[in-house]
PDB file of N, CA and C in Angstrom:
ATOM      1  N   MET A   1       5.159  28.645 -31.278  1.00  0.00           N
ATOM      2  CA  MET A   1       5.725  28.029 -32.671  1.00  0.00           C
ATOM      3  C   MET A   1       5.969  29.495 -33.678  1.00  0.00           C
ATOM      4  N   GLY A   2       7.197  29.947 -33.367  1.00  0.00           N
ATOM      5  CA  GLY A   2       7.735  31.190 -34.266  1.00  0.00           C
ATOM      6  C   GLY A   2       6.773  32.248 -33.997  1.00  0.00           C
ATOM      7  N   GLN A   3       6.382  32.735 -34.873  1.00  0.00           N
ATOM      8  CA  GLN A   3       5.577  33.784 -34.937  1.00  0.00           C
ATOM      9  C   GLN A   3       3.993  33.705 -34.426  1.00  0.00           C
ATOM     10  N   TYR A   4       3.582  32.388 -34.332  1.00  0.00           N
ATOM     11  CA  TYR A   4       2.218  32.191 -34.252  1.00  0.00           C
ATOM     12  C   TYR A   4       2.097  31.375 -32.808  1.00  0.00           C
ATOM     13  N   VAL A   5       0.858  31.497 -32.382  1.00  0.00           N
ATOM     14  CA  VAL A   5       0.578  31.020 -31.161  1.00  0.00           C
ATOM     15  C   VAL A   5      -0.723  29.788 -31.556  1.00  0.00           C
ATOM     16  N   VAL A   6      -0.083  28.437 -31.109  1.00  0.00           N
ATOM     17  CA  VAL A   6      -0.754  27.478 -31.548  1.00  0.00           C
ATOM     18  C   VAL A   6      -1.448  26.960 -30.222  1.00  0.00           C
ATOM     19  N   SER A   7      -2.966  26.879 -30.193  1.00  0.00           N
ATOM     20  CA  SER A   7      -3.718  26.035 -28.906  1.00  0.00           C
ATOM     21  C   SER A   7      -4.181  25.242 -29.126  1.00  0.00           C
ATOM     22  N   PRO A   8      -3.789  23.679 -28.841  1.00  0.00           N
ATOM     23  CA  PRO A   8      -4.642  22.748 -29.000  1.00  0.00           C
ATOM     24  C   PRO A   8      -5.857  22.437 -28.060  1.00  0.00           C
ATOM     25  N   ALA A   9      -6.780  21.636 -28.502  1.00  0.00           N
ATOM     26  CA  ALA A   9      -7.730  21.319 -27.626  1.00  0.00           C
ATOM     27  C   ALA A   9      -8.384  19.938 -28.063  1.00  0.00           C
ATOM     28  N   THR A  10      -9.064  19.336 -26.970  1.00  0.00           N
ATOM     29  CA  THR A  10      -9.656  18.095 -26.925  1.00  0.00           C
ATOM     30  C   THR A  10     -11.209  18.365 -26.641  1.00  0.00           C
ATOM     31  N   HIS A  11     -11.829  17.271 -27.334  1.00  0.00           N
ATOM     32  CA  HIS A  11     -13.384  17.471 -27.227  1.00  0.00           C
ATOM     33  C   HIS A  11     -13.739  15.862 -26.877  1.00  0.00           C
ATOM     34  N   PRO A  12     -14.581  15.906 -25.719  1.00  0.00           N
ATOM     35  CA  PRO A  12     -14.842  14.360 -25.446  1.00  0.00           C
ATOM     36  C   PRO A  12     -16.468  14.023 -26.775  1.00  0.00           C
ATOM     37  N   THR A  13     -16.304  12.900 -27.032  1.00  0.00           N
ATOM     38  CA  THR A  13     -17.428  12.644 -28.101  1.00  0.00           C
ATOM     39  C   THR A  13     -18.933  11.576 -27.011  1.00  0.00           C
ATOM     40  N   ASP A  14     -19.646  11.587 -27.671  1.00  0.00           N
ATOM     41  CA  ASP A  14     -20.696  10.977 -26.642  1.00  0.00           C
ATOM     42  C   ASP A  14     -20.661   9.533 -26.350  1.00  0.00           C
ATOM     43  N   CYS A  15     -19.726   8.905 -27.126  1.00  0.00           N
ATOM     44  CA  CYS A  15     -19.327   7.402 -27.396  1.00  0.00           C
ATOM     45  C   CYS A  15     -18.079   7.340 -26.114  1.00  0.00           C
ATOM     46  N   GLY A  16     -17.424   8.537 -25.569  1.00  0.00           N
ATOM     47  CA  GLY A  16     -16.364   8.170 -24.766  1.00  0.00           C
ATOM     48  C   GLY A  16     -15.067   8.357 -25.061  1.00  0.00           C
ATOM     49  N   ARG A  17     -14.831   8.706 -26.482  1.00  0.00           N
ATOM     50  CA  ARG A  17     -13.594   9.000 -27.295  1.00  0.00           C
ATOM     51  C   ARG A  17     -13.406  10.397 -27.482  1.00  0.00           C
ATOM     52  N   PHE A  18     -12.518  11.139 -27.763  1.00  0.00           N
ATOM     53  CA  PHE A  18     -11.928  12.462 -28.045  1.00  0.00           C
ATOM     54  C   PHE A  18     -11.574  12.987 -29.318  1.00  0.00           C
ATOM     55  N   ARG A  19     -12.039  13.792 -29.651  1.00  0.00           N
ATOM     56  CA  ARG A  19     -11.868  14.491 -31.160  1.00  0.00           C
ATOM     57  C   ARG A  19     -10.792  15.656 -30.542  1.00  0.00           C
ATOM     58  N   ALA A  20      -9.799  15.993 -32.003  1.00  0.00           N
ATOM     59  CA  ALA A  20      -8.925  16.872 -31.699  1.00  0.00           C
ATOM     60  C   ALA A  20      -9.241  18.456 -32.619  1.00  0.00           C
ATOM     61  N   SER A  21      -8.715  19.495 -31.822  1.00  0.00           N
ATOM     62  CA  SER A  21      -8.825  20.628 -32.584  1.00  0.00           C
ATOM     63  C   SER A  21      -7.698  21.566 -32.416  1.00  0.00           C
ATOM     64  N   PHE A  22      -7.102  22.619 -33.281  1.00  0.00           N
ATOM     65  CA  PHE A  22      -6.162  23.738 -32.727  1.00  0.00           C
ATOM     66  C   PHE A  22      -6.621  24.873 -33.277  1.00  0.00           C
ATOM     67  N   SER A  23      -6.127  26.041 -32.671  1.00  0.00           N
ATOM     68  CA  SER A  23      -6.354  27.341 -33.415  1.00  0.00           C
ATOM     69  C   SER A  23      -5.050  27.857 -33.685  1.00  0.00           C
ATOM     70  N   ILE A  24      -4.829  28.482 -34.484  1.00  0.00           N
ATOM     71  CA  ILE A  24      -3.529  29.566 -34.720  1.00  0.00           C
ATOM     72  C   ILE A  24      -3.811  30.786 -34.763  1.00  0.00           C
ATOM     73  N   HIS A  25      -3.162  31.477 -34.090  1.00  0.00           N
ATOM     74  CA  HIS A  25      -2.979  32.995 -33.830  1.00  0.00           C
ATOM     75  C   HIS A  25      -1.955  33.924 -33.868  1.00  0.00           C
ATOM     76  N   ARG A  26      -2.129  34.698 -35.165  1.00  0.00           N
ATOM     77  CA  ARG A  26      -0.847  35.622 -35.264  1.00  0.00           C
ATOM     78  C   ARG A  26      -1.337  37.235 -35.249  1.00  0.00           C
ATOM     79  N   SER A  27      -0.563  37.883 -34.430  1.00  0.00           N
ATOM     80  CA  SER A  27      -0.816  39.368 -34.495  1.00  0.00           C
ATOM     81  C   SER A  27       0.588  40.196 -34.894  1.00  0.00           C
ATOM     82  N   GLN A  28       0.297  41.016 -36.109  1.00  0.00           N
ATOM     83  CA  GLN A  28       1.505  41.386 -36.480  1.00  0.00           C
ATOM     84  C   GLN A  28       0.856  43.163 -36.667  1.00  0.00           C
ATOM     85  N   GLY A  29       1.726  43.891 -36.108  1.00  0.00           N
ATOM     86  CA  GLY A  29       1.249  45.298 -36.569  1.00  0.00           C
ATOM     87  C   GLY A  29      -0.203  45.545 -36.360  1.00  0.00           C
ATOM     88  N   ASN A  30      -0.976  46.142 -37.075  1.00  0.00           N
ATOM     89  CA  ASN A  30      -2.198  46.423 -37.314  1.00  0.00           C
ATOM     90  C   ASN A  30      -3.267  44.991 -37.750  1.00  0.00           C
ATOM     91  N   GLY A  31      -2.760  44.087 -38.255  1.00  0.00           N
ATOM     92  CA  GLY A  31      -3.585  42.975 -38.599  1.00  0.00           C
ATOM     93  C   GLY A  31      -3.436  41.884 -37.891  1.00  0.00           C
ATOM     94  N   SER A  32      -4.225  41.019 -37.592  1.00  0.00           N
ATOM     95  CA  SER A  32      -4.125  39.757 -37.047  1.00  0.00           C
ATOM     96  C   SER A  32      -4.776  38.574 -37.995  1.00  0.00           C
ATOM     97  N   TYR A  33      -4.410  37.410 -37.692  1.00  0.00           N
ATOM     98  CA  TYR A  33      -4.759  36.160 -38.160  1.00  0.00           C
ATOM     99  C   TYR A  33      -5.236  35.149 -37.410  1.00  0.00           C
ATOM    100  N   CYS A  34      -6.346  34.412 -37.306  1.00  0.00           N
ATOM    101  CA  CYS A  34      -6.712  33.679 -36.680  1.00  0.00           C
ATOM    102  C   CYS A  34      -7.627  32.357 -37.363  1.00  0.00           C
ATOM    103  N   ARG A  35      -7.099  31.210 -37.334  1.00  0.00           N
ATOM    104  CA  ARG A  35      -7.878  29.962 -37.931  1.00  0.00           C
ATOM    105  C   ARG A  35      -7.845  28.994 -36.965  1.00  0.00           C
ATOM    106  N   VAL A  36      -9.239  28.130 -37.160  1.00  0.00           N
ATOM    107  CA  VAL A  36      -9.463  26.888 -35.988  1.00  0.00           C
ATOM    108  C   VAL A  36      -9.301  26.081 -37.136  1.00  0.00           C
ATOM    109  N   PHE A  37      -8.873  24.449 -36.961  1.00  0.00           N
ATOM    110  CA  PHE A  37      -8.975  23.478 -37.389  1.00  0.00           C
ATOM    111  C   PHE A  37      -9.625  22.284 -36.317  1.00  0.00           C
ATOM    112  N   ARG A  38     -10.389  21.669 -37.131  1.00  0.00           N
ATOM    113  CA  ARG A  38     -11.185  20.670 -36.264  1.00  0.00           C
ATOM    114  C   ARG A  38     -11.243  19.363 -37.184  1.00  0.00           C
ATOM    115  N   PHE A  39     -11.044  18.109 -36.375  1.00  0.00           N
ATOM    116  CA  PHE A  39     -10.829  16.992 -37.089  1.00  0.00           C
ATOM    117  C   PHE A  39     -11.783  15.835 -36.856  1.00  0.00           C
ATOM    118  N   ASP A  40     -12.402  15.200 -37.547  1.00  0.00           N
ATOM    119  CA  ASP A  40     -13.443  14.156 -37.462  1.00  0.00           C
ATOM    120  C   ASP A  40     -12.800  12.900 -36.609  1.00  0.00           C
ATOM    121  N   LYS A  41     -11.515  12.763 -36.934  1.00  0.00           N
ATOM    122  CA  LYS A  41     -11.027  11.401 -36.363  1.00  0.00           C
ATOM    123  C   LYS A  41     -11.388  11.377 -35.012  1.00  0.00           C
ATOM    124  N   ALA A  42     -11.711  10.194 -34.508  1.00  0.00           N
ATOM    125  CA  ALA A  42     -12.114  10.206 -32.871  1.00  0.00           C
ATOM    126  C   ALA A  42     -10.575   9.137 -32.413  1.00  0.00           C
ATOM    127  N   PHE A  43     -10.223   9.384 -31.172  1.00  0.00           N
ATOM    128  CA  PHE A  43      -9.124   9.150 -30.399  1.00  0.00           C
ATOM    129  C   PHE A  43      -9.849   8.266 -29.039  1.00  0.00           C
ATOM    130  N   ALA A  44      -9.104   7.245 -28.802  1.00  0.00           N
ATOM    131  CA  ALA A  44      -9.271   6.618 -27.502  1.00  0.00           C
ATOM    132  C   ALA A  44      -9.066   7.397 -26.273  1.00  0.00           C
ATOM    133  N   SER A  45      -7.918   8.231 -26.344  1.00  0.00           N
ATOM    134  CA  SER A  45      -7.533   9.184 -24.848  1.00  0.00           C
ATOM    135  C   SER A  45      -7.484  10.734 -25.288  1.00  0.00           C
ATOM    136  N   ARG A  46      -7.695  11.487 -24.060  1.00  0.00           N
ATOM    137  CA  ARG A  46      -7.309  12.461 -24.477  1.00  0.00           C
ATOM    138  C   ARG A  46      -5.960  13.096 -24.990  1.00  0.00           C
ATOM    139  N   GLU A  47      -5.218  12.111 -24.055  1.00  0.00           N
ATOM    140  CA  GLU A  47      -3.510  12.805 -24.295  1.00  0.00           C
ATOM    141  C   GLU A  47      -3.399  12.573 -25.972  1.00  0.00           C
ATOM    142  N   ALA A  48      -4.093  11.405 -26.607  1.00  0.00           N
ATOM    143  CA  ALA A  48      -3.560  11.011 -27.948  1.00  0.00           C
ATOM    144  C   ALA A  48      -4.257  12.192 -28.937  1.00  0.00           C
ATOM    145  N   ALA A  49      -5.517  12.652 -28.669  1.00  0.00           N
ATOM    146  CA  ALA A  49      -5.833  13.748 -29.400  1.00  0.00           C
ATOM    147  C   ALA A  49      -5.256  15.000 -29.037  1.00  0.00           C
ATOM    148  N   ARG A  50      -4.662  15.138 -27.991  1.00  0.00           N
ATOM    149  CA  ARG A  50      -3.879  16.531 -27.947  1.00  0.00           C
ATOM    150  C   ARG A  50      -2.615  16.280 -28.625  1.00  0.00           C
ATOM    151  N   MET A  51      -1.921  15.119 -28.676  1.00  0.00           N
ATOM    152  CA  MET A  51      -0.558  15.150 -29.297  1.00  0.00           C
ATOM    153  C   MET A  51      -0.926  15.333 -31.028  1.00  0.00           C
ATOM    154  N   PHE A  52      -1.945  14.753 -31.350  1.00  0.00           N
ATOM    155  CA  PHE A  52      -2.495  14.959 -32.680  1.00  0.00           C
ATOM    156  C   PHE A  52      -2.991  16.430 -33.027  1.00  0.00           C
ATOM    157  N   ALA A  53      -3.363  17.211 -32.393  1.00  0.00           N
ATOM    158  CA  ALA A  53      -3.631  18.442 -32.375  1.00  0.00           C
ATOM    159  C   ALA A  53      -2.121  19.151 -32.665  1.00  0.00           C
ATOM    160  N   VAL A  54      -1.230  19.197 -31.425  1.00  0.00           N
ATOM    161  CA  VAL A  54      -0.082  19.493 -31.238  1.00  0.00           C
ATOM    162  C   VAL A  54       0.801  19.319 -32.548  1.00  0.00           C
ATOM    163  N   THR A  55       0.983  18.217 -33.473  1.00  0.00           N
ATOM    164  CA  THR A  55       1.617  17.787 -34.464  1.00  0.00           C
ATOM    165  C   THR A  55       0.873  18.470 -35.519  1.00  0.00           C
ATOM    166  N   GLN A  56      -0.298  18.412 -35.833  1.00  0.00           N
ATOM    167  CA  GLN A  56      -0.787  19.485 -37.134  1.00  0.00           C
ATOM    168  C   GLN A  56      -0.569  20.555 -36.882  1.00  0.00           C
ATOM    169  N   GLY A  57      -0.625  21.168 -35.701  1.00  0.00           N
ATOM    170  CA  GLY A  57      -0.432  22.697 -35.651  1.00  0.00           C
ATOM    171  C   GLY A  57       1.051  23.226 -35.897  1.00  0.00           C
ATOM    172  N   TRP A  58       2.119  22.045 -35.322  1.00  0.00           N
ATOM    173  CA  TRP A  58       3.259  22.220 -35.685  1.00  0.00           C
ATOM    174  C   TRP A  58       3.615  22.242 -37.514  1.00  0.00           C
ATOM    175  N   LEU A  59       2.718  21.186 -38.052  1.00  0.00           N
ATOM    176  CA  LEU A  59       3.081  21.216 -39.392  1.00  0.00           C
ATOM    177  C   LEU A  59       2.385  22.573 -40.080  1.00  0.00           C
ATOM    178  N   GLN A  60       1.404  22.817 -39.620  1.00  0.00           N
ATOM    179  CA  GLN A  60       0.766  23.935 -40.379  1.00  0.00           C
ATOM    180  C   GLN A  60       1.668  25.165 -40.038  1.00  0.00           C
ATOM    181  N   THR A  61       2.202  25.513 -39.035  1.00  0.00           N
ATOM    182  CA  THR A  61       3.288  26.681 -38.766  1.00  0.00           C
ATOM    183  C   THR A  61       4.601  26.420 -39.064  1.00  0.00           C
ATOM    184  N   CYS A  62       5.025  25.316 -39.553  1.00  0.00           N
ATOM    185  CA  CYS A  62       6.485  25.287 -39.651  1.00  0.00           C
ATOM    186  C   CYS A  62       6.999  24.997 -41.072  1.00  0.00           C
ATOM    187  N   MET A  63       5.841  24.160 -41.953  1.00  0.00           N
ATOM    188  CA  MET A  63       6.303  23.632 -43.404  1.00  0.00           C
ATOM    189  C   MET A  63       5.816  24.683 -44.356  1.00  0.00           C
ATOM    190  N   VAL A  64       6.432  24.905 -45.391  1.00  0.00           N
ATOM    191  CA  VAL A  64       6.225  25.785 -46.620  1.00  0.00           C
ATOM    192  C   VAL A  64       4.927  25.924 -47.053  1.00  0.00           C
ATOM    193  N   HIS A  65       4.652  24.314 -47.546  1.00  0.00           N
ATOM    194  CA  HIS A  65       3.489  24.054 -48.022  1.00  0.00           C
ATOM    195  C   HIS A  65       2.685  22.871 -47.019  1.00  0.00           C
ATOM    196  N   PRO A  66       2.156  23.251 -46.215  1.00  0.00           N
ATOM    197  CA  PRO A  66       1.592  22.143 -45.200  1.00  0.00           C
ATOM    198  C   PRO A  66       0.705  21.460 -45.749  1.00  0.00           C
ATOM    199  N   PRO A  67       0.314  20.191 -45.272  1.00  0.00           N
ATOM    200  CA  PRO A  67      -0.597  19.426 -45.809  1.00  0.00           C
ATOM    201  C   PRO A  67      -2.135  19.856 -45.570  1.00  0.00           C
ATOM    202  N   ALA A  68      -3.135  19.756 -46.639  1.00  0.00           N
ATOM    203  CA  ALA A  68      -4.246  19.871 -46.200  1.00  0.00           C
ATOM    204  C   ALA A  68      -5.065  19.321 -45.120  1.00  0.00           C
ATOM    205  N   CYS A  69      -5.720  20.021 -44.141  1.00  0.00           N
ATOM    206  CA  CYS A  69      -6.280  18.852 -43.245  1.00  0.00           C
ATOM    207  C   CYS A  69      -7.705  18.439 -43.380  1.00  0.00           C
TER     208      CYS A  69
END
C-alpha cells in the first residue's frame, strides 16, 4: 500500500472464533518503521477477520489522520 508493506493476520481463539491483527513495515534509507496492531474483537470466520485487518491497514496507511485503533 504505497510506501508501506501491510501484512494482515488472523488468530484462532479458544472458542472457535478468530481475531485480527496486522503489521505495517516501511524501510527508507537507513531507517525503518514497523508497528503491529492487534484487535480484541472476535469474528465468526477467518475471512471476516482478515478483511477487517486489511481494511484497518488500508486506513492506517492512506489517511492523513487515521482513526485510533
